[in-house]
Amino acid sequence: MALLKPAEITERLKGLDGWALDGKAIKKQFTFQDFPEAVLFVSALVPGAEDADHHPDIEIHYKRVILSYSTHDAGGLTAKDFDGAAMAEAIAANLPHLEEFGDG
């Protein structure tokens, strides 16, 4: 997959709320109501990531999840990274709240 040019990266970032360029990756922090909801979000990413054979780097800090996408074998950003970010946005927007676990 071809690396995106800087102008393409800038343009694609305009369509992703809260995502920022971080070196050769794009990154965003998502905040949920509690730890179980954060873990549910990460778990919900698995099927799409597996189908695309493209996986984000993930950090979980209690109720905050930081995703970072980069196409490591290409050495930077490709369309796959922006597809992954868009998938994560859709999942976060449709994530059910877990009142039975939560403190929120």
Protein backbone atom coordinates (compact mmCIF):
# COMPACT_ATOMS: atom_id res chain seq x y z
CA MET A 1 0.00 0.00 0.00
CA ALA A 2 1.34 3.43 -0.98
CA LEU A 3 2.38 5.97 1.62
CA LEU A 4 0.24 9.10 1.72
CA LYS A 5 1.81 12.44 0.88
CA PRO A 6 1.80 15.16 3.60
CA ALA A 7 -0.96 17.11 1.83
CA GLU A 8 -3.12 13.96 1.64
CA ILE A 9 -2.59 13.31 5.35
CA THR A 10 -3.58 16.88 6.22
CA GLU A 11 -6.70 16.64 4.09
CA ARG A 12 -7.76 13.27 5.52
CA LEU A 13 -7.23 14.47 9.09
CA LYS A 14 -9.82 17.20 8.49
CA GLY A 15 -12.46 14.47 8.24
CA LEU A 16 -11.52 12.85 11.57
CA ASP A 17 -12.52 14.74 14.71
CA GLY A 18 -9.84 14.76 17.38
CA TRP A 19 -7.21 12.78 15.46
CA ALA A 20 -3.73 14.27 15.20
CA LEU A 21 -0.51 13.49 13.41
CA ASP A 22 2.08 12.02 15.77
CA GLY A 23 5.29 11.33 13.86
CA LYS A 24 4.47 8.62 11.32
CA ALA A 25 1.13 7.81 12.95
CA ILE A 26 -2.28 9.28 13.65
CA LYS A 27 -3.46 9.24 17.24
CA LYS A 28 -6.58 9.96 19.31
CA GLN A 29 -7.63 9.60 22.92
CA PHE A 30 -11.16 8.33 23.59
CA THR A 31 -12.68 8.76 27.05
CA PHE A 32 -15.43 6.47 28.33
CA GLN A 33 -17.49 6.40 31.52
CA ASP A 34 -15.36 3.71 33.18
CA PHE A 35 -12.86 0.88 32.70
CA PRO A 36 -15.37 -1.79 31.56
CA GLU A 37 -16.68 0.52 28.85
CA ALA A 38 -13.12 1.28 27.70
CA VAL A 39 -12.39 -2.44 27.45
CA LEU A 40 -15.67 -3.01 25.60
CA PHE A 41 -14.57 -0.41 23.03
CA VAL A 42 -11.20 -2.12 22.55
CA SER A 43 -12.92 -5.51 22.20
CA ALA A 44 -15.33 -4.08 19.64
CA LEU A 45 -12.36 -3.01 17.49
CA VAL A 46 -11.14 -6.59 17.10
CA PRO A 47 -13.42 -7.92 14.32
CA GLY A 48 -12.82 -4.96 12.00
CA ALA A 49 -9.10 -4.92 12.68
CA GLU A 50 -8.86 -8.64 11.99
CA ASP A 51 -10.94 -8.35 8.80
CA ALA A 52 -8.69 -5.54 7.55
CA ASP A 53 -5.53 -7.28 8.83
CA HIS A 54 -4.58 -3.87 10.23
CA HIS A 55 -4.35 -3.28 13.97
CA PRO A 56 -3.89 -0.11 16.02
CA ASP A 57 -1.46 0.33 18.85
CA ILE A 58 -3.62 0.58 21.95
CA GLU A 59 -3.08 2.07 25.40
CA ILE A 60 -5.69 1.78 28.14
CA HIS A 61 -5.52 4.12 31.12
CA TYR A 62 -8.60 3.33 33.24
CA LYS A 63 -11.38 4.94 31.18
CA ARG A 64 -9.13 6.49 28.52
CA VAL A 65 -8.13 4.58 25.40
CA ILE A 66 -5.42 5.94 23.12
CA LEU A 67 -5.34 4.55 19.59
CA SER A 68 -2.45 5.02 17.23
CA TYR A 69 -2.54 3.91 13.61
CA SER A 70 0.46 3.55 11.31
CA THR A 71 1.24 1.07 8.56
CA HIS A 72 4.49 -0.21 10.01
CA ASP A 73 5.48 -2.39 7.06
CA ALA A 74 5.06 0.63 4.73
CA GLY A 75 6.95 2.94 7.08
CA GLY A 76 4.23 5.51 7.62
CA LEU A 77 0.64 6.44 6.92
CA THR A 78 -1.51 4.78 4.29
CA ALA A 79 -5.22 4.71 3.51
CA LYS A 80 -5.50 1.69 5.83
CA ASP A 81 -4.73 3.91 8.82
CA PHE A 82 -7.48 6.36 8.01
CA ASP A 83 -9.90 3.49 7.36
CA GLY A 84 -9.03 2.12 10.81
CA ALA A 85 -9.54 5.51 12.43
CA ALA A 86 -12.95 5.88 10.75
CA MET A 87 -13.92 2.41 11.95
CA ALA A 88 -12.89 3.32 15.52
CA GLU A 89 -14.99 6.49 15.34
CA ALA A 90 -18.05 4.53 14.22
CA ILE A 91 -17.60 1.98 17.00
CA ALA A 92 -17.16 4.68 19.66
CA ALA A 93 -20.29 6.48 18.44
CA ASN A 94 -22.39 3.32 18.73
CA LEU A 95 -20.92 1.81 21.90
CA PRO A 96 -23.58 0.84 24.45
CA HIS A 97 -23.15 2.15 27.97
CA LEU A 98 -22.60 -0.50 30.62
CA GLU A 99 -24.66 0.83 33.52
CA GLU A 100 -24.53 -2.52 35.33
CA PHE A 101 -20.75 -2.22 35.67
CA GLY A 102 -20.28 1.47 35.65
CA ASP A 103 -19.95 4.29 38.03
CA GLY A 104 -21.24 6.65 35.34
